[in-house]
């Protein structure tokens, strides 16, 4: 088992930190999540114009800072001068990994340009054992794994689609082969009205050797339902609510 997937589940992944009283995807939010008891932090990475991996969900800062600043067109030093609220700025991935050395990071690669800088940051921070790399793009997932073979990855959109098809058809061998490159399947509970996460599907995916993490769940009753059917992880904006729930189980 990859060191990232310890201790035993269920686990809570703090989606963009804990942004109840802090700007999302900032060190304030990540520290708030850790202070609430979170071990697992979920975040997103883009690259600056000069090839620095930085933490941000969107390609621009329009939504989070009211500034029409495109990250991939902006130098790292210039990004550092933009206030996201409460004095927080866009964190560098390397700096964030070093600042919270006991945290485990679920890192979503948001662009092709972010792959190599993110891998470099992970290596420089000596954080490979506490990182799970994810991306909707199979190309990005493969590239990250090629650059850093020991890094754990979760299923891309292409792998998820093939895994769901194999599971629905009851094809255990093909399901295991599809999921062999990854250690986790991270999916919404439903997609276009179709239930993706059921007791049967969770059991099949776990038999195939991967954990099942469900995003983004903020309702306590729904968290309870998912834990009852055996999911391994809850990705949530409200780790402060989810952690006590998991601790009581």
C-alpha atoms as a PDB file:
ATOM      1  CA  UNK A   1       0.000   0.000   0.000  1.00  0.00           C
ATOM      2  CA  UNK A   2       1.207   3.505  -0.799  1.00  0.00           C
ATOM      3  CA  UNK A   3       2.266   5.527   2.270  1.00  0.00           C
ATOM      4  CA  UNK A   4      -0.300   8.158   1.290  1.00  0.00           C
ATOM      5  CA  UNK A   5      -3.146   5.770   2.102  1.00  0.00           C
ATOM      6  CA  UNK A   6      -2.323   5.431   5.786  1.00  0.00           C
ATOM      7  CA  UNK A   7      -3.692   5.218   8.386  1.00  0.00           C
ATOM      8  CA  UNK A   8      -6.646   2.991   7.584  1.00  0.00           C
ATOM      9  CA  UNK A   9      -9.803   4.623   6.202  1.00  0.00           C
ATOM     10  CA  UNK A  10     -12.233   6.267   6.369  1.00  0.00           C
ATOM     11  CA  UNK A  11     -10.407   9.514   5.736  1.00  0.00           C
ATOM     12  CA  UNK A  12     -11.500  13.136   5.308  1.00  0.00           C
ATOM     13  CA  UNK A  13      -9.929  15.222   2.544  1.00  0.00           C
ATOM     14  CA  UNK A  14     -10.190  18.962   3.198  1.00  0.00           C
ATOM     15  CA  UNK A  15     -11.288  20.428  -0.146  1.00  0.00           C
ATOM     16  CA  UNK A  16      -9.149  23.530  -0.796  1.00  0.00           C
ATOM     17  CA  UNK A  17      -8.450  23.590   2.933  1.00  0.00           C
ATOM     18  CA  UNK A  18     -11.067  24.890   5.349  1.00  0.00           C
ATOM     19  CA  UNK A  19     -12.369  28.046   3.721  1.00  0.00           C
ATOM     20  CA  UNK A  20     -15.171  28.862   6.168  1.00  0.00           C
ATOM     21  CA  UNK A  21     -13.242  31.807   7.602  1.00  0.00           C
ATOM     22  CA  UNK A  22     -10.360  32.028   5.165  1.00  0.00           C
ATOM     23  CA  UNK A  23      -9.831  32.327   1.395  1.00  0.00           C
ATOM     24  CA  UNK A  24      -9.809  28.939  -0.346  1.00  0.00           C
ATOM     25  CA  UNK A  25      -6.541  27.320  -1.389  1.00  0.00           C
ATOM     26  CA  UNK A  26      -4.443  29.630   0.772  1.00  0.00           C
ATOM     27  CA  UNK A  27      -2.132  28.849   3.654  1.00  0.00           C
ATOM     28  CA  UNK A  28      -4.758  30.349   5.984  1.00  0.00           C
ATOM     29  CA  UNK A  29      -7.282  27.753   4.773  1.00  0.00           C
ATOM     30  CA  UNK A  30      -4.829  24.862   4.924  1.00  0.00           C
ATOM     31  CA  UNK A  31      -3.665  25.766   8.421  1.00  0.00           C
ATOM     32  CA  UNK A  32      -7.306  26.088   9.521  1.00  0.00           C
ATOM     33  CA  UNK A  33      -7.968  22.569   8.186  1.00  0.00           C
ATOM     34  CA  UNK A  34      -4.956  21.148  10.006  1.00  0.00           C
ATOM     35  CA  UNK A  35      -5.989  22.955  13.201  1.00  0.00           C
ATOM     36  CA  UNK A  36      -9.424  21.320  12.840  1.00  0.00           C
ATOM     37  CA  UNK A  37      -7.700  17.932  12.783  1.00  0.00           C
ATOM     38  CA  UNK A  38      -7.295  17.290   9.052  1.00  0.00           C
ATOM     39  CA  UNK A  39      -4.404  15.157   7.843  1.00  0.00           C
ATOM     40  CA  UNK A  40      -5.438  15.127   4.172  1.00  0.00           C
ATOM     41  CA  UNK A  41      -5.573  18.359   2.185  1.00  0.00           C
ATOM     42  CA  UNK A  42      -7.062  18.550  -1.317  1.00  0.00           C
ATOM     43  CA  UNK A  43      -5.791  21.232  -3.652  1.00  0.00           C
ATOM     44  CA  UNK A  44      -5.209  22.294  -7.261  1.00  0.00           C
ATOM     45  CA  UNK A  45      -2.097  23.358  -9.145  1.00  0.00           C
ATOM     46  CA  UNK A  46      -1.351  25.619 -12.083  1.00  0.00           C
ATOM     47  CA  UNK A  47       2.023  26.886 -13.334  1.00  0.00           C
ATOM     48  CA  UNK A  48       3.191  30.475 -13.624  1.00  0.00           C
ATOM     49  CA  UNK A  49       4.760  31.994 -16.726  1.00  0.00           C
ATOM     50  CA  UNK A  50       8.198  31.224 -15.282  1.00  0.00           C
ATOM     51  CA  UNK A  51       7.358  27.602 -14.472  1.00  0.00           C
ATOM     52  CA  UNK A  52       6.558  27.703 -10.771  1.00  0.00           C
ATOM     53  CA  UNK A  53       3.864  25.330  -9.470  1.00  0.00           C
ATOM     54  CA  UNK A  54       1.292  27.361  -7.562  1.00  0.00           C
ATOM     55  CA  UNK A  55      -1.909  26.507  -5.748  1.00  0.00           C
ATOM     56  CA  UNK A  56      -5.104  27.736  -7.391  1.00  0.00           C
ATOM     57  CA  UNK A  57      -8.246  26.131  -8.733  1.00  0.00           C
ATOM     58  CA  UNK A  58      -9.070  28.501 -11.585  1.00  0.00           C
ATOM     59  CA  UNK A  59      -6.732  29.511 -14.407  1.00  0.00           C
ATOM     60  CA  UNK A  60      -7.196  33.163 -13.423  1.00  0.00           C
ATOM     61  CA  UNK A  61      -7.644  35.101 -10.185  1.00  0.00           C
ATOM     62  CA  UNK A  62     -10.880  36.758 -11.274  1.00  0.00           C
ATOM     63  CA  UNK A  63     -13.177  34.774  -8.939  1.00  0.00           C
ATOM     64  CA  UNK A  64     -10.929  34.734  -5.874  1.00  0.00           C
ATOM     65  CA  UNK A  65      -9.333  38.182  -6.093  1.00  0.00           C
ATOM     66  CA  UNK A  66     -11.461  40.189  -8.527  1.00  0.00           C
ATOM     67  CA  UNK A  67      -8.411  40.572 -10.747  1.00  0.00           C
ATOM     68  CA  UNK A  68      -8.197  39.519 -14.382  1.00  0.00           C
ATOM     69  CA  UNK A  69      -4.835  37.867 -13.867  1.00  0.00           C
ATOM     70  CA  UNK A  70      -4.111  34.681 -15.821  1.00  0.00           C
ATOM     71  CA  UNK A  71      -1.714  32.530 -13.811  1.00  0.00           C
ATOM     72  CA  UNK A  72       0.120  30.999 -16.782  1.00  0.00           C
ATOM     73  CA  UNK A  73       0.774  34.504 -18.138  1.00  0.00           C
ATOM     74  CA  UNK A  74       2.061  35.917 -14.847  1.00  0.00           C
ATOM     75  CA  UNK A  75       5.442  35.679 -13.165  1.00  0.00           C
ATOM     76  CA  UNK A  76       5.619  34.090  -9.729  1.00  0.00           C
ATOM     77  CA  UNK A  77       6.989  37.247  -8.126  1.00  0.00           C
ATOM     78  CA  UNK A  78       4.066  39.260  -9.473  1.00  0.00           C
ATOM     79  CA  UNK A  79       1.472  36.761  -8.201  1.00  0.00           C
ATOM     80  CA  UNK A  80       2.861  37.111  -4.704  1.00  0.00           C
ATOM     81  CA  UNK A  81       1.775  40.740  -4.596  1.00  0.00           C
ATOM     82  CA  UNK A  82      -1.941  39.987  -5.136  1.00  0.00           C
ATOM     83  CA  UNK A  83      -4.132  39.866  -2.024  1.00  0.00           C
ATOM     84  CA  UNK A  84      -6.713  37.075  -2.006  1.00  0.00           C
ATOM     85  CA  UNK A  85      -8.227  38.382   1.216  1.00  0.00           C
ATOM     86  CA  UNK A  86      -7.003  38.667   4.810  1.00  0.00           C
ATOM     87  CA  UNK A  87      -3.514  39.265   3.484  1.00  0.00           C
ATOM     88  CA  UNK A  88      -3.311  35.798   1.931  1.00  0.00           C
ATOM     89  CA  UNK A  89      -1.597  35.287  -1.419  1.00  0.00           C
ATOM     90  CA  UNK A  90      -1.320  32.455  -3.922  1.00  0.00           C
ATOM     91  CA  UNK A  91       0.905  29.796  -2.318  1.00  0.00           C
ATOM     92  CA  UNK A  92       3.697  28.052  -4.113  1.00  0.00           C
ATOM     93  CA  UNK A  93       3.257  24.278  -4.041  1.00  0.00           C
ATOM     94  CA  UNK A  94       6.806  23.655  -2.816  1.00  0.00           C
ATOM     95  CA  UNK A  95       6.408  26.192  -0.021  1.00  0.00           C
ATOM     96  CA  UNK A  96       3.057  24.736   1.046  1.00  0.00           C
ATOM     97  CA  UNK A  97       4.438  21.194   1.167  1.00  0.00           C
ATOM     98  CA  UNK A  98       7.351  22.374   3.307  1.00  0.00           C
ATOM     99  CA  UNK A  99       5.181  24.544   5.565  1.00  0.00           C
ATOM    100  CA  UNK A 100       2.920  21.632   6.557  1.00  0.00           C
ATOM    101  CA  UNK A 101       5.283  18.646   6.623  1.00  0.00           C
ATOM    102  CA  UNK A 102       2.871  16.323   8.422  1.00  0.00           C
ATOM    103  CA  UNK A 103      -0.019  16.903   6.018  1.00  0.00           C
ATOM    104  CA  UNK A 104      -0.825  14.640   3.080  1.00  0.00           C
ATOM    105  CA  UNK A 105      -1.733  16.399  -0.148  1.00  0.00           C
ATOM    106  CA  UNK A 106      -4.189  15.404  -2.870  1.00  0.00           C
ATOM    107  CA  UNK A 107      -2.922  17.466  -5.812  1.00  0.00           C
ATOM    108  CA  UNK A 108      -5.097  18.035  -8.880  1.00  0.00           C
ATOM    109  CA  UNK A 109      -3.033  19.000 -11.930  1.00  0.00           C
ATOM    110  CA  UNK A 110      -5.164  21.622 -13.668  1.00  0.00           C
ATOM    111  CA  UNK A 111      -3.106  22.142 -16.824  1.00  0.00           C
ATOM    112  CA  UNK A 112      -0.491  20.426 -18.965  1.00  0.00           C
ATOM    113  CA  UNK A 113       1.980  23.158 -18.073  1.00  0.00           C
ATOM    114  CA  UNK A 114       1.602  22.366 -14.364  1.00  0.00           C
ATOM    115  CA  UNK A 115       2.813  18.760 -14.535  1.00  0.00           C
ATOM    116  CA  UNK A 116       6.593  19.169 -14.613  1.00  0.00           C
ATOM    117  CA  UNK A 117       6.685  22.109 -12.155  1.00  0.00           C
ATOM    118  CA  UNK A 118       4.447  20.179  -9.730  1.00  0.00           C
ATOM    119  CA  UNK A 119       6.680  17.112  -9.910  1.00  0.00           C
ATOM    120  CA  UNK A 120       9.728  19.318  -9.338  1.00  0.00           C
ATOM    121  CA  UNK A 121       8.090  20.893  -6.279  1.00  0.00           C
ATOM    122  CA  UNK A 122       7.188  17.470  -4.856  1.00  0.00           C
ATOM    123  CA  UNK A 123      10.754  16.232  -5.316  1.00  0.00           C
ATOM    124  CA  UNK A 124      12.327  19.389  -3.860  1.00  0.00           C
ATOM    125  CA  UNK A 125      10.058  19.172  -0.823  1.00  0.00           C
ATOM    126  CA  UNK A 126      10.851  15.442  -0.425  1.00  0.00           C
ATOM    127  CA  UNK A 127       7.098  14.885  -0.267  1.00  0.00           C
ATOM    128  CA  UNK A 128       6.506  11.997  -2.684  1.00  0.00           C
ATOM    129  CA  UNK A 129       5.313   9.649   0.088  1.00  0.00           C
ATOM    130  CA  UNK A 130       2.614  12.081   1.225  1.00  0.00           C
ATOM    131  CA  UNK A 131       1.219  13.109  -2.137  1.00  0.00           C
ATOM    132  CA  UNK A 132      -1.562  11.727  -4.318  1.00  0.00           C
ATOM    133  CA  UNK A 133      -1.535  13.181  -7.817  1.00  0.00           C
ATOM    134  CA  UNK A 134      -4.831  13.418  -9.643  1.00  0.00           C
ATOM    135  CA  UNK A 135      -6.159  14.905 -12.870  1.00  0.00           C
ATOM    136  CA  UNK A 136      -9.171  14.586 -15.105  1.00  0.00           C
ATOM    137  CA  UNK A 137      -6.594  14.203 -17.900  1.00  0.00           C
ATOM    138  CA  UNK A 138      -5.084  10.761 -18.391  1.00  0.00           C
ATOM    139  CA  UNK A 139      -2.229  12.381 -20.308  1.00  0.00           C
ATOM    140  CA  UNK A 140      -1.308  14.488 -17.273  1.00  0.00           C
ATOM    141  CA  UNK A 141      -1.633  11.566 -14.888  1.00  0.00           C
ATOM    142  CA  UNK A 142       0.652   9.422 -17.039  1.00  0.00           C
ATOM    143  CA  UNK A 143       3.172  12.206 -17.500  1.00  0.00           C
ATOM    144  CA  UNK A 144       3.381  12.781 -13.758  1.00  0.00           C
ATOM    145  CA  UNK A 145       3.905   9.059 -13.181  1.00  0.00           C
ATOM    146  CA  UNK A 146       6.542   8.891 -15.896  1.00  0.00           C
ATOM    147  CA  UNK A 147       8.434  11.803 -14.370  1.00  0.00           C
ATOM    148  CA  UNK A 148       8.040  10.444 -10.843  1.00  0.00           C
ATOM    149  CA  UNK A 149       7.340   6.682 -10.992  1.00  0.00           C
ATOM    150  CA  UNK A 150       7.015   6.298  -7.225  1.00  0.00           C
ATOM    151  CA  UNK A 151       4.216   8.858  -6.893  1.00  0.00           C
ATOM    152  CA  UNK A 152       0.701   7.571  -6.189  1.00  0.00           C
ATOM    153  CA  UNK A 153      -2.042   8.662  -8.578  1.00  0.00           C
ATOM    154  CA  UNK A 154      -5.821   8.498  -8.672  1.00  0.00           C
ATOM    155  CA  UNK A 155      -8.012   7.672 -11.641  1.00  0.00           C
ATOM    156  CA  UNK A 156      -8.345  10.097 -14.534  1.00  0.00           C
ATOM    157  CA  UNK A 157     -11.681  10.632 -16.242  1.00  0.00           C
ATOM    158  CA  UNK A 158     -10.815   8.022 -18.884  1.00  0.00           C
ATOM    159  CA  UNK A 159      -9.978   5.412 -16.247  1.00  0.00           C
ATOM    160  CA  UNK A 160     -13.140   6.232 -14.289  1.00  0.00           C
ATOM    161  CA  UNK A 161     -15.334   5.740 -17.361  1.00  0.00           C
ATOM    162  CA  UNK A 162     -13.735   2.393 -18.207  1.00  0.00           C
ATOM    163  CA  UNK A 163     -13.863   1.244 -14.593  1.00  0.00           C
ATOM    164  CA  UNK A 164     -17.544   2.100 -14.276  1.00  0.00           C
ATOM    165  CA  UNK A 165     -18.311   0.203 -17.474  1.00  0.00           C
ATOM    166  CA  UNK A 166     -16.382  -2.878 -16.322  1.00  0.00           C
ATOM    167  CA  UNK A 167     -18.061  -2.751 -12.912  1.00  0.00           C
ATOM    168  CA  UNK A 168     -21.559  -2.464 -14.388  1.00  0.00           C
ATOM    169  CA  UNK A 169     -20.865  -5.464 -16.624  1.00  0.00           C
ATOM    170  CA  UNK A 170     -19.437  -7.514 -13.769  1.00  0.00           C
ATOM    171  CA  UNK A 171     -16.056  -7.899 -15.473  1.00  0.00           C
ATOM    172  CA  UNK A 172     -13.720  -8.338 -12.516  1.00  0.00           C
ATOM    173  CA  UNK A 173     -10.543  -9.066 -14.486  1.00  0.00           C
ATOM    174  CA  UNK A 174     -10.873  -6.065 -16.832  1.00  0.00           C
ATOM    175  CA  UNK A 175     -11.789  -3.871 -13.852  1.00  0.00           C
ATOM    176  CA  UNK A 176      -8.608  -4.858 -12.037  1.00  0.00           C
ATOM    177  CA  UNK A 177      -6.530  -4.189 -15.156  1.00  0.00           C
ATOM    178  CA  UNK A 178      -8.116  -0.775 -15.737  1.00  0.00           C
ATOM    179  CA  UNK A 179      -7.457   0.278 -12.139  1.00  0.00           C
ATOM    180  CA  UNK A 180      -3.980  -1.249 -11.865  1.00  0.00           C
ATOM    181  CA  UNK A 181      -2.095   2.053 -12.452  1.00  0.00           C
ATOM    182  CA  UNK A 182      -3.926   3.951  -9.687  1.00  0.00           C
ATOM    183  CA  UNK A 183      -4.568   3.653  -5.957  1.00  0.00           C
ATOM    184  CA  UNK A 184      -7.834   5.587  -5.684  1.00  0.00           C
ATOM    185  CA  UNK A 185     -11.019   6.333  -7.573  1.00  0.00           C
ATOM    186  CA  UNK A 186     -12.292   9.848  -6.813  1.00  0.00           C
ATOM    187  CA  UNK A 187     -15.782  10.511  -8.131  1.00  0.00           C
ATOM    188  CA  UNK A 188     -18.987  12.428  -7.430  1.00  0.00           C
ATOM    189  CA  UNK A 189     -21.798  10.422  -5.903  1.00  0.00           C
ATOM    190  CA  UNK A 190     -23.989  11.021  -8.952  1.00  0.00           C
ATOM    191  CA  UNK A 191     -23.415  12.185 -12.492  1.00  0.00           C
ATOM    192  CA  UNK A 192     -26.315  13.376 -14.656  1.00  0.00           C
ATOM    193  CA  UNK A 193     -28.772  11.567 -12.425  1.00  0.00           C
ATOM    194  CA  UNK A 194     -26.860   8.284 -12.477  1.00  0.00           C
ATOM    195  CA  UNK A 195     -25.713   6.806  -9.162  1.00  0.00           C
ATOM    196  CA  UNK A 196     -21.980   6.148  -9.427  1.00  0.00           C
ATOM    197  CA  UNK A 197     -21.375   5.302  -5.787  1.00  0.00           C
ATOM    198  CA  UNK A 198     -23.425   2.393  -4.466  1.00  0.00           C
ATOM    199  CA  UNK A 199     -22.690  -0.355  -1.968  1.00  0.00           C
ATOM    200  CA  UNK A 200     -22.153  -2.740  -4.883  1.00  0.00           C
ATOM    201  CA  UNK A 201     -19.836  -0.449  -6.876  1.00  0.00           C
ATOM    202  CA  UNK A 202     -17.783   0.480  -3.821  1.00  0.00           C
ATOM    203  CA  UNK A 203     -17.292  -3.193  -2.961  1.00  0.00           C
ATOM    204  CA  UNK A 204     -16.232  -3.976  -6.539  1.00  0.00           C
ATOM    205  CA  UNK A 205     -13.728  -1.124  -6.695  1.00  0.00           C
ATOM    206  CA  UNK A 206     -12.262  -2.025  -3.329  1.00  0.00           C
ATOM    207  CA  UNK A 207     -11.908  -5.685  -4.413  1.00  0.00           C
ATOM    208  CA  UNK A 208     -10.044  -4.368  -7.454  1.00  0.00           C
ATOM    209  CA  UNK A 209      -7.514  -2.777  -5.121  1.00  0.00           C
ATOM    210  CA  UNK A 210      -8.388   0.905  -4.976  1.00  0.00           C
ATOM    211  CA  UNK A 211      -9.912   3.222  -2.424  1.00  0.00           C
ATOM    212  CA  UNK A 212     -13.121   5.111  -3.235  1.00  0.00           C
ATOM    213  CA  UNK A 213     -13.242   8.828  -2.409  1.00  0.00           C
ATOM    214  CA  UNK A 214     -16.398  10.846  -3.067  1.00  0.00           C
ATOM    215  CA  UNK A 215     -16.551  14.595  -3.774  1.00  0.00           C
ATOM    216  CA  UNK A 216     -17.695  17.174  -2.765  1.00  0.00           C
ATOM    217  CA  UNK A 217     -19.892  16.230   0.217  1.00  0.00           C
ATOM    218  CA  UNK A 218     -20.894  18.886   2.764  1.00  0.00           C
ATOM    219  CA  UNK A 219     -24.099  17.415   4.199  1.00  0.00           C
ATOM    220  CA  UNK A 220     -23.648  15.351   7.355  1.00  0.00           C
ATOM    221  CA  UNK A 221     -26.493  12.964   6.581  1.00  0.00           C
ATOM    222  CA  UNK A 222     -25.034  12.240   3.169  1.00  0.00           C
ATOM    223  CA  UNK A 223     -21.618  11.677   4.692  1.00  0.00           C
ATOM    224  CA  UNK A 224     -23.193   9.121   7.032  1.00  0.00           C
ATOM    225  CA  UNK A 225     -24.875   7.345   4.119  1.00  0.00           C
ATOM    226  CA  UNK A 226     -21.622   7.124   2.174  1.00  0.00           C
ATOM    227  CA  UNK A 227     -19.661   5.853   5.139  1.00  0.00           C
ATOM    228  CA  UNK A 228     -22.333   3.207   5.712  1.00  0.00           C
ATOM    229  CA  UNK A 229     -21.872   1.826   2.190  1.00  0.00           C
ATOM    230  CA  UNK A 230     -18.118   1.619   2.684  1.00  0.00           C
ATOM    231  CA  UNK A 231     -16.477   4.596   0.962  1.00  0.00           C
ATOM    232  CA  UNK A 232     -12.902   5.211   2.039  1.00  0.00           C
ATOM    233  CA  UNK A 233     -12.798   8.970   1.773  1.00  0.00           C
ATOM    234  CA  UNK A 234     -15.010  12.042   1.910  1.00  0.00           C
ATOM    235  CA  UNK A 235     -13.819  15.127   0.050  1.00  0.00           C
ATOM    236  CA  UNK A 236     -15.495  18.084   1.728  1.00  0.00           C
ATOM    237  CA  UNK A 237     -15.453  21.840   2.183  1.00  0.00           C
ATOM    238  CA  UNK A 238     -16.377  21.224   5.829  1.00  0.00           C
ATOM    239  CA  UNK A 239     -13.674  19.079   7.322  1.00  0.00           C
ATOM    240  CA  UNK A 240     -14.565  20.666  10.667  1.00  0.00           C
ATOM    241  CA  UNK A 241     -17.919  18.852  10.490  1.00  0.00           C
ATOM    242  CA  UNK A 242     -16.751  15.652   8.806  1.00  0.00           C
ATOM    243  CA  UNK A 243     -13.826  14.850  11.100  1.00  0.00           C
ATOM    244  CA  UNK A 244     -15.894  14.494  14.307  1.00  0.00           C
ATOM    245  CA  UNK A 245     -18.335  12.306  12.374  1.00  0.00           C
ATOM    246  CA  UNK A 246     -15.563   9.985  11.208  1.00  0.00           C
ATOM    247  CA  UNK A 247     -13.942   9.961  14.646  1.00  0.00           C
ATOM    248  CA  UNK A 248     -17.171   8.705  16.208  1.00  0.00           C
ATOM    249  CA  UNK A 249     -17.262   5.632  13.975  1.00  0.00           C
END
